[in-house]
Each structure stands twice: as C-alpha cells, then as structure tokens.
Amino acid sequence: MKKTGVYRRVDELGRIVLPKEIRDALEINIKDPMEIYTDGNSVILKKLEDNCIFCGRTKDITKYKDKIICSKCIQSIMALK
C-alpha cells in the first residue's frame, strides 16, 4: 500500500471525501460504483469493474443479455457444441 500523506476526517454522516488528485489518478468519476471491504484494520475502496460471470476476468469482456462474459469463456462455450 502506498501512503499519500493526505488525511481526511470522517464527518457526522460517516463520509470521507476522496481528494481530487487520487480520484483523477485512479480515474474515479462521479457516480462510479465503489466496492468497500476490510482487511484487518484497513478499509479498502476499489472501483467496481465489470467482470466475467464465469471466471471473474475484467479484460476482453462482452455484455450479452445483461450478463458480462469474457472472450475466453465465450470460446469455451462455443467449443461445447
């Protein structure tokens, strides 16, 4: 994990503002979905990415009937015929 030297306080509603420099560096835009999870004493935010419903890959993906499928899984499905 890389320290940024940037500190923010949690407000009354439990919110923390991500600095613009971090949002820009990670290409986080307004209304982007974020995944929130914990690891020990750390809270981790991760930009939610579309991933294959079968293998979880995030590269070479295609949307088909509201489902996300990667090219490798499409090839595997095609080979079943």
PDB file of N, CA and C in Angstrom:
ATOM      1  N   MET A   1       0.843  -1.173   0.000  1.00  0.00           N
ATOM      2  CA  MET A   1       0.000   0.000   0.000  1.00  0.00           C
ATOM      3  C   MET A   1       0.891   1.240   0.000  1.00  0.00           C
ATOM      4  N   LYS A   2       0.502   2.229  -0.767  1.00  0.00           N
ATOM      5  CA  LYS A   2       1.286   3.456  -0.894  1.00  0.00           C
ATOM      6  C   LYS A   2       0.658   4.556  -0.047  1.00  0.00           C
ATOM      7  N   LYS A   3       1.458   5.185   0.825  1.00  0.00           N
ATOM      8  CA  LYS A   3       0.955   6.307   1.618  1.00  0.00           C
ATOM      9  C   LYS A   3       0.944   7.565   0.763  1.00  0.00           C
ATOM     10  N   THR A   4      -0.092   8.399   0.976  1.00  0.00           N
ATOM     11  CA  THR A   4      -0.205   9.632   0.197  1.00  0.00           C
ATOM     12  C   THR A   4       0.133  10.869   1.009  1.00  0.00           C
ATOM     13  N   GLY A   5       0.095  10.750   2.322  1.00  0.00           N
ATOM     14  CA  GLY A   5       0.324  11.912   3.164  1.00  0.00           C
ATOM     15  C   GLY A   5      -0.910  12.800   3.264  1.00  0.00           C
ATOM     16  N   VAL A   6      -2.028  12.359   2.704  1.00  0.00           N
ATOM     17  CA  VAL A   6      -3.277  13.111   2.740  1.00  0.00           C
ATOM     18  C   VAL A   6      -4.159  12.516   3.831  1.00  0.00           C
ATOM     19  N   TYR A   7      -4.718  13.367   4.663  1.00  0.00           N
ATOM     20  CA  TYR A   7      -5.580  12.913   5.751  1.00  0.00           C
ATOM     21  C   TYR A   7      -6.925  13.601   5.666  1.00  0.00           C
ATOM     22  N   ARG A   8      -7.974  12.878   5.965  1.00  0.00           N
ATOM     23  CA  ARG A   8      -9.331  13.435   5.990  1.00  0.00           C
ATOM     24  C   ARG A   8     -10.025  12.934   7.242  1.00  0.00           C
ATOM     25  N   ARG A   9     -10.950  13.726   7.753  1.00  0.00           N
ATOM     26  CA  ARG A   9     -11.752  13.320   8.914  1.00  0.00           C
ATOM     27  C   ARG A   9     -13.091  12.784   8.443  1.00  0.00           C
ATOM     28  N   VAL A  10     -13.621  11.837   9.193  1.00  0.00           N
ATOM     29  CA  VAL A  10     -14.953  11.303   8.930  1.00  0.00           C
ATOM     30  C   VAL A  10     -15.955  12.341   9.430  1.00  0.00           C
ATOM     31  N   ASP A  11     -16.963  12.680   8.599  1.00  0.00           N
ATOM     32  CA  ASP A  11     -17.961  13.664   9.031  1.00  0.00           C
ATOM     33  C   ASP A  11     -19.070  12.994   9.850  1.00  0.00           C
ATOM     34  N   GLU A  12     -20.068  13.782  10.236  1.00  0.00           N
ATOM     35  CA  GLU A  12     -21.152  13.304  11.107  1.00  0.00           C
ATOM     36  C   GLU A  12     -21.947  12.156  10.485  1.00  0.00           C
ATOM     37  N   LEU A  13     -21.965  12.070   9.161  1.00  0.00           N
ATOM     38  CA  LEU A  13     -22.708  11.016   8.468  1.00  0.00           C
ATOM     39  C   LEU A  13     -21.827   9.828   8.080  1.00  0.00           C
ATOM     40  N   GLY A  14     -20.556   9.833   8.524  1.00  0.00           N
ATOM     41  CA  GLY A  14     -19.654   8.730   8.234  1.00  0.00           C
ATOM     42  C   GLY A  14     -18.964   8.830   6.892  1.00  0.00           C
ATOM     43  N   ARG A  15     -18.983  10.004   6.272  1.00  0.00           N
ATOM     44  CA  ARG A  15     -18.406  10.175   4.938  1.00  0.00           C
ATOM     45  C   ARG A  15     -16.963  10.665   5.006  1.00  0.00           C
ATOM     46  N   ILE A  16     -16.209  10.284   3.995  1.00  0.00           N
ATOM     47  CA  ILE A  16     -14.850  10.782   3.795  1.00  0.00           C
ATOM     48  C   ILE A  16     -14.747  11.220   2.341  1.00  0.00           C
ATOM     49  N   VAL A  17     -14.194  12.390   2.100  1.00  0.00           N
ATOM     50  CA  VAL A  17     -14.025  12.880   0.729  1.00  0.00           C
ATOM     51  C   VAL A  17     -12.691  12.371   0.189  1.00  0.00           C
ATOM     52  N   LEU A  18     -12.738  11.750  -0.995  1.00  0.00           N
ATOM     53  CA  LEU A  18     -11.503  11.334  -1.668  1.00  0.00           C
ATOM     54  C   LEU A  18     -10.921  12.551  -2.375  1.00  0.00           C
ATOM     55  N   PRO A  19      -9.660  12.858  -2.137  1.00  0.00           N
ATOM     56  CA  PRO A  19      -9.059  14.023  -2.782  1.00  0.00           C
ATOM     57  C   PRO A  19      -9.098  13.903  -4.308  1.00  0.00           C
ATOM     58  N   LYS A  20      -9.257  15.038  -4.973  1.00  0.00           N
ATOM     59  CA  LYS A  20      -9.351  15.067  -6.432  1.00  0.00           C
ATOM     60  C   LYS A  20      -8.140  14.419  -7.097  1.00  0.00           C
ATOM     61  N   GLU A  21      -6.969  14.631  -6.541  1.00  0.00           N
ATOM     62  CA  GLU A  21      -5.753  14.065  -7.128  1.00  0.00           C
ATOM     63  C   GLU A  21      -5.825  12.533  -7.150  1.00  0.00           C
ATOM     64  N   ILE A  22      -6.354  11.937  -6.109  1.00  0.00           N
ATOM     65  CA  ILE A  22      -6.487  10.476  -6.050  1.00  0.00           C
ATOM     66  C   ILE A  22      -7.577  10.012  -7.014  1.00  0.00           C
ATOM     67  N   ARG A  23      -8.708  10.729  -7.036  1.00  0.00           N
ATOM     68  CA  ARG A  23      -9.790  10.361  -7.967  1.00  0.00           C
ATOM     69  C   ARG A  23      -9.294  10.435  -9.407  1.00  0.00           C
ATOM     70  N   ASP A  24      -8.552  11.478  -9.736  1.00  0.00           N
ATOM     71  CA  ASP A  24      -8.026  11.624 -11.098  1.00  0.00           C
ATOM     72  C   ASP A  24      -7.033  10.508 -11.423  1.00  0.00           C
ATOM     73  N   ALA A  25      -6.127  10.218 -10.500  1.00  0.00           N
ATOM     74  CA  ALA A  25      -5.101   9.196 -10.737  1.00  0.00           C
ATOM     75  C   ALA A  25      -5.731   7.818 -10.951  1.00  0.00           C
ATOM     76  N   LEU A  26      -6.818   7.525 -10.248  1.00  0.00           N
ATOM     77  CA  LEU A  26      -7.477   6.219 -10.350  1.00  0.00           C
ATOM     78  C   LEU A  26      -8.673   6.225 -11.301  1.00  0.00           C
ATOM     79  N   GLU A  27      -8.872   7.361 -11.979  1.00  0.00           N
ATOM     80  CA  GLU A  27      -9.989   7.522 -12.923  1.00  0.00           C
ATOM     81  C   GLU A  27     -11.333   7.194 -12.279  1.00  0.00           C
ATOM     82  N   ILE A  28     -11.534   7.726 -11.074  1.00  0.00           N
ATOM     83  CA  ILE A  28     -12.808   7.582 -10.366  1.00  0.00           C
ATOM     84  C   ILE A  28     -13.643   8.812 -10.681  1.00  0.00           C
ATOM     85  N   ASN A  29     -14.804   8.593 -11.270  1.00  0.00           N
ATOM     86  CA  ASN A  29     -15.684   9.688 -11.662  1.00  0.00           C
ATOM     87  C   ASN A  29     -16.923   9.737 -10.772  1.00  0.00           C
ATOM     88  N   ILE A  30     -17.647  10.836 -10.865  1.00  0.00           N
ATOM     89  CA  ILE A  30     -18.888  10.995 -10.104  1.00  0.00           C
ATOM     90  C   ILE A  30     -19.828   9.846 -10.449  1.00  0.00           C
ATOM     91  N   LYS A  31     -20.410   9.257  -9.441  1.00  0.00           N
ATOM     92  CA  LYS A  31     -21.387   8.158  -9.538  1.00  0.00           C
ATOM     93  C   LYS A  31     -20.782   6.810  -9.924  1.00  0.00           C
ATOM     94  N   ASP A  32     -19.442   6.706  -9.997  1.00  0.00           N
ATOM     95  CA  ASP A  32     -18.830   5.400 -10.244  1.00  0.00           C
ATOM     96  C   ASP A  32     -19.111   4.500  -9.045  1.00  0.00           C
ATOM     97  N   PRO A  33     -19.465   3.242  -9.286  1.00  0.00           N
ATOM     98  CA  PRO A  33     -19.684   2.330  -8.154  1.00  0.00           C
ATOM     99  C   PRO A  33     -18.338   1.948  -7.533  1.00  0.00           C
ATOM    100  N   MET A  34     -18.312   1.903  -6.205  1.00  0.00           N
ATOM    101  CA  MET A  34     -17.104   1.557  -5.475  1.00  0.00           C
ATOM    102  C   MET A  34     -17.391   0.356  -4.574  1.00  0.00           C
ATOM    103  N   GLU A  35     -16.439  -0.551  -4.520  1.00  0.00           N
ATOM    104  CA  GLU A  35     -16.536  -1.702  -3.626  1.00  0.00           C
ATOM    105  C   GLU A  35     -15.824  -1.332  -2.327  1.00  0.00           C
ATOM    106  N   ILE A  36     -16.437  -1.669  -1.202  1.00  0.00           N
ATOM    107  CA  ILE A  36     -15.860  -1.346   0.104  1.00  0.00           C
ATOM    108  C   ILE A  36     -15.697  -2.654   0.870  1.00  0.00           C
ATOM    109  N   TYR A  37     -14.474  -2.911   1.323  1.00  0.00           N
ATOM    110  CA  TYR A  37     -14.271  -4.100   2.140  1.00  0.00           C
ATOM    111  C   TYR A  37     -13.170  -3.833   3.154  1.00  0.00           C
ATOM    112  N   THR A  38     -12.993  -4.750   4.090  1.00  0.00           N
ATOM    113  CA  THR A  38     -11.989  -4.580   5.131  1.00  0.00           C
ATOM    114  C   THR A  38     -10.925  -5.657   5.017  1.00  0.00           C
ATOM    115  N   ASP A  39      -9.738  -5.310   5.507  1.00  0.00           N
ATOM    116  CA  ASP A  39      -8.621  -6.241   5.576  1.00  0.00           C
ATOM    117  C   ASP A  39      -7.897  -5.926   6.882  1.00  0.00           C
ATOM    118  N   GLY A  40      -8.171  -6.707   7.912  1.00  0.00           N
ATOM    119  CA  GLY A  40      -7.612  -6.400   9.232  1.00  0.00           C
ATOM    120  C   GLY A  40      -8.179  -5.086   9.725  1.00  0.00           C
ATOM    121  N   ASN A  41      -7.309  -4.139  10.019  1.00  0.00           N
ATOM    122  CA  ASN A  41      -7.742  -2.815  10.496  1.00  0.00           C
ATOM    123  C   ASN A  41      -7.900  -1.805   9.375  1.00  0.00           C
ATOM    124  N   SER A  42      -7.795  -2.242   8.130  1.00  0.00           N
ATOM    125  CA  SER A  42      -7.869  -1.320   6.991  1.00  0.00           C
ATOM    126  C   SER A  42      -9.233  -1.388   6.314  1.00  0.00           C
ATOM    127  N   VAL A  43      -9.697  -0.241   5.846  1.00  0.00           N
ATOM    128  CA  VAL A  43     -10.882  -0.154   4.999  1.00  0.00           C
ATOM    129  C   VAL A  43     -10.376   0.098   3.595  1.00  0.00           C
ATOM    130  N   ILE A  44     -10.813  -0.727   2.641  1.00  0.00           N
ATOM    131  CA  ILE A  44     -10.301  -0.634   1.279  1.00  0.00           C
ATOM    132  C   ILE A  44     -11.435  -0.266   0.341  1.00  0.00           C
ATOM    133  N   LEU A  45     -11.192   0.751  -0.491  1.00  0.00           N
ATOM    134  CA  LEU A  45     -12.132   1.164  -1.524  1.00  0.00           C
ATOM    135  C   LEU A  45     -11.556   0.741  -2.859  1.00  0.00           C
ATOM    136  N   LYS A  46     -12.382   0.143  -3.693  1.00  0.00           N
ATOM    137  CA  LYS A  46     -11.926  -0.288  -5.008  1.00  0.00           C
ATOM    138  C   LYS A  46     -12.994   0.071  -6.028  1.00  0.00           C
ATOM    139  N   LYS A  47     -12.564   0.673  -7.126  1.00  0.00           N
ATOM    140  CA  LYS A  47     -13.502   0.996  -8.190  1.00  0.00           C
ATOM    141  C   LYS A  47     -14.060  -0.318  -8.733  1.00  0.00           C
ATOM    142  N   LEU A  48     -15.360  -0.426  -8.751  1.00  0.00           N
ATOM    143  CA  LEU A  48     -16.008  -1.651  -9.200  1.00  0.00           C
ATOM    144  C   LEU A  48     -15.867  -1.771 -10.707  1.00  0.00           C
ATOM    145  N   GLU A  49     -15.385  -2.910 -11.166  1.00  0.00           N
ATOM    146  CA  GLU A  49     -15.201  -3.153 -12.589  1.00  0.00           C
ATOM    147  C   GLU A  49     -16.132  -4.268 -13.033  1.00  0.00           C
ATOM    148  N   ASP A  50     -16.601  -4.173 -14.271  1.00  0.00           N
ATOM    149  CA  ASP A  50     -17.371  -5.276 -14.833  1.00  0.00           C
ATOM    150  C   ASP A  50     -16.450  -6.479 -14.943  1.00  0.00           C
ATOM    151  N   ASN A  51     -16.979  -7.662 -14.617  1.00  0.00           N
ATOM    152  CA  ASN A  51     -16.172  -8.859 -14.744  1.00  0.00           C
ATOM    153  C   ASN A  51     -17.025 -10.029 -15.227  1.00  0.00           C
ATOM    154  N   CYS A  52     -16.352 -11.016 -15.796  1.00  0.00           N
ATOM    155  CA  CYS A  52     -16.999 -12.195 -16.364  1.00  0.00           C
ATOM    156  C   CYS A  52     -17.761 -12.955 -15.277  1.00  0.00           C
ATOM    157  N   ILE A  53     -18.990 -13.342 -15.586  1.00  0.00           N
ATOM    158  CA  ILE A  53     -19.807 -14.054 -14.598  1.00  0.00           C
ATOM    159  C   ILE A  53     -19.277 -15.462 -14.330  1.00  0.00           C
ATOM    160  N   PHE A  54     -18.442 -15.984 -15.215  1.00  0.00           N
ATOM    161  CA  PHE A  54     -17.919 -17.343 -15.049  1.00  0.00           C
ATOM    162  C   PHE A  54     -16.549 -17.371 -14.374  1.00  0.00           C
ATOM    163  N   CYS A  55     -15.616 -16.547 -14.849  1.00  0.00           N
ATOM    164  CA  CYS A  55     -14.242 -16.638 -14.344  1.00  0.00           C
ATOM    165  C   CYS A  55     -13.767 -15.394 -13.595  1.00  0.00           C
ATOM    166  N   GLY A  56     -14.494 -14.282 -13.709  1.00  0.00           N
ATOM    167  CA  GLY A  56     -14.122 -13.065 -12.994  1.00  0.00           C
ATOM    168  C   GLY A  56     -13.173 -12.140 -13.736  1.00  0.00           C
ATOM    169  N   ARG A  57     -12.721 -12.518 -14.935  1.00  0.00           N
ATOM    170  CA  ARG A  57     -11.813 -11.651 -15.701  1.00  0.00           C
ATOM    171  C   ARG A  57     -12.450 -10.294 -15.974  1.00  0.00           C
ATOM    172  N   THR A  58     -11.600  -9.264 -16.072  1.00  0.00           N
ATOM    173  CA  THR A  58     -12.085  -7.912 -16.367  1.00  0.00           C
ATOM    174  C   THR A  58     -11.637  -7.433 -17.739  1.00  0.00           C
ATOM    175  N   LYS A  59     -10.842  -8.214 -18.436  1.00  0.00           N
ATOM    176  CA  LYS A  59     -10.352  -7.830 -19.771  1.00  0.00           C
ATOM    177  C   LYS A  59     -11.080  -8.625 -20.850  1.00  0.00           C
ATOM    178  N   ASP A  60     -11.202  -8.027 -22.037  1.00  0.00           N
ATOM    179  CA  ASP A  60     -11.863  -8.672 -23.185  1.00  0.00           C
ATOM    180  C   ASP A  60     -13.256  -9.178 -22.830  1.00  0.00           C
ATOM    181  N   ILE A  61     -14.065  -8.301 -22.248  1.00  0.00           N
ATOM    182  CA  ILE A  61     -15.406  -8.705 -21.826  1.00  0.00           C
ATOM    183  C   ILE A  61     -16.463  -8.164 -22.783  1.00  0.00           C
ATOM    184  N   THR A  62     -17.578  -8.876 -22.833  1.00  0.00           N
ATOM    185  CA  THR A  62     -18.698  -8.519 -23.691  1.00  0.00           C
ATOM    186  C   THR A  62     -19.974  -8.632 -22.870  1.00  0.00           C
ATOM    187  N   LYS A  63     -20.895  -7.718 -23.115  1.00  0.00           N
ATOM    188  CA  LYS A  63     -22.190  -7.792 -22.452  1.00  0.00           C
ATOM    189  C   LYS A  63     -23.161  -8.523 -23.365  1.00  0.00           C
ATOM    190  N   TYR A  64     -23.815  -9.563 -22.848  1.00  0.00           N
ATOM    191  CA  TYR A  64     -24.793 -10.334 -23.605  1.00  0.00           C
ATOM    192  C   TYR A  64     -26.004 -10.587 -22.715  1.00  0.00           C
ATOM    193  N   LYS A  65     -27.146 -10.057 -23.125  1.00  0.00           N
ATOM    194  CA  LYS A  65     -28.396 -10.200 -22.365  1.00  0.00           C
ATOM    195  C   LYS A  65     -28.193  -9.839 -20.890  1.00  0.00           C
ATOM    196  N   ASP A  66     -27.613  -8.662 -20.662  1.00  0.00           N
ATOM    197  CA  ASP A  66     -27.356  -8.120 -19.323  1.00  0.00           C
ATOM    198  C   ASP A  66     -26.384  -8.945 -18.492  1.00  0.00           C
ATOM    199  N   LYS A  67     -25.605  -9.803 -19.116  1.00  0.00           N
ATOM    200  CA  LYS A  67     -24.569 -10.582 -18.433  1.00  0.00           C
ATOM    201  C   LYS A  67     -23.224 -10.237 -19.059  1.00  0.00           C
ATOM    202  N   ILE A  68     -22.178 -10.243 -18.261  1.00  0.00           N
ATOM    203  CA  ILE A  68     -20.835  -9.947 -18.739  1.00  0.00           C
ATOM    204  C   ILE A  68     -20.082 -11.273 -18.896  1.00  0.00           C
ATOM    205  N   ILE A  69     -19.507 -11.493 -20.086  1.00  0.00           N
ATOM    206  CA  ILE A  69     -18.783 -12.722 -20.383  1.00  0.00           C
ATOM    207  C   ILE A  69     -17.476 -12.356 -21.087  1.00  0.00           C
ATOM    208  N   CYS A  70     -16.366 -12.990 -20.697  1.00  0.00           N
ATOM    209  CA  CYS A  70     -15.082 -12.705 -21.343  1.00  0.00           C
ATOM    210  C   CYS A  70     -14.923 -13.557 -22.601  1.00  0.00           C
ATOM    211  N   SER A  71     -13.977 -13.161 -23.437  1.00  0.00           N
ATOM    212  CA  SER A  71     -13.777 -13.854 -24.714  1.00  0.00           C
ATOM    213  C   SER A  71     -13.338 -15.306 -24.510  1.00  0.00           C
ATOM    214  N   LYS A  72     -12.540 -15.590 -23.480  1.00  0.00           N
ATOM    215  CA  LYS A  72     -12.101 -16.963 -23.228  1.00  0.00           C
ATOM    216  C   LYS A  72     -13.291 -17.858 -22.876  1.00  0.00           C
ATOM    217  N   CYS A  73     -14.201 -17.358 -22.046  1.00  0.00           N
ATOM    218  CA  CYS A  73     -15.370 -18.158 -21.668  1.00  0.00           C
ATOM    219  C   CYS A  73     -16.320 -18.331 -22.870  1.00  0.00           C
ATOM    220  N   ILE A  74     -16.415 -17.306 -23.708  1.00  0.00           N
ATOM    221  CA  ILE A  74     -17.231 -17.435 -24.924  1.00  0.00           C
ATOM    222  C   ILE A  74     -16.664 -18.543 -25.794  1.00  0.00           C
ATOM    223  N   GLN A  75     -15.333 -18.581 -25.951  1.00  0.00           N
ATOM    224  CA  GLN A  75     -14.698 -19.634 -26.741  1.00  0.00           C
ATOM    225  C   GLN A  75     -14.940 -21.011 -26.120  1.00  0.00           C
ATOM    226  N   SER A  76     -14.886 -21.094 -24.811  1.00  0.00           N
ATOM    227  CA  SER A  76     -15.144 -22.371 -24.139  1.00  0.00           C
ATOM    228  C   SER A  76     -16.569 -22.841 -24.360  1.00  0.00           C
ATOM    229  N   ILE A  77     -17.508 -21.902 -24.303  1.00  0.00           N
ATOM    230  CA  ILE A  77     -18.925 -22.237 -24.526  1.00  0.00           C
ATOM    231  C   ILE A  77     -19.126 -22.687 -25.974  1.00  0.00           C
ATOM    232  N   MET A  78     -18.502 -21.981 -26.908  1.00  0.00           N
ATOM    233  CA  MET A  78     -18.622 -22.343 -28.315  1.00  0.00           C
ATOM    234  C   MET A  78     -18.055 -23.749 -28.584  1.00  0.00           C
ATOM    235  N   ALA A  79     -17.018 -24.129 -27.867  1.00  0.00           N
ATOM    236  CA  ALA A  79     -16.381 -25.441 -28.046  1.00  0.00           C
ATOM    237  C   ALA A  79     -17.277 -26.576 -27.561  1.00  0.00           C
ATOM    238  N   LEU A  80     -18.280 -26.269 -26.757  1.00  0.00           N
ATOM    239  CA  LEU A  80     -19.192 -27.311 -26.251  1.00  0.00           C
ATOM    240  C   LEU A  80     -20.111 -27.865 -27.326  1.00  0.00           C
ATOM    241  N   LYS A  81     -20.277 -27.111 -28.402  1.00  0.00           N
ATOM    242  CA  LYS A  81     -21.211 -27.531 -29.458  1.00  0.00           C
ATOM    243  C   LYS A  81     -20.747 -28.722 -30.227  1.00  0.00           C
TER     244      LYS A  81
END
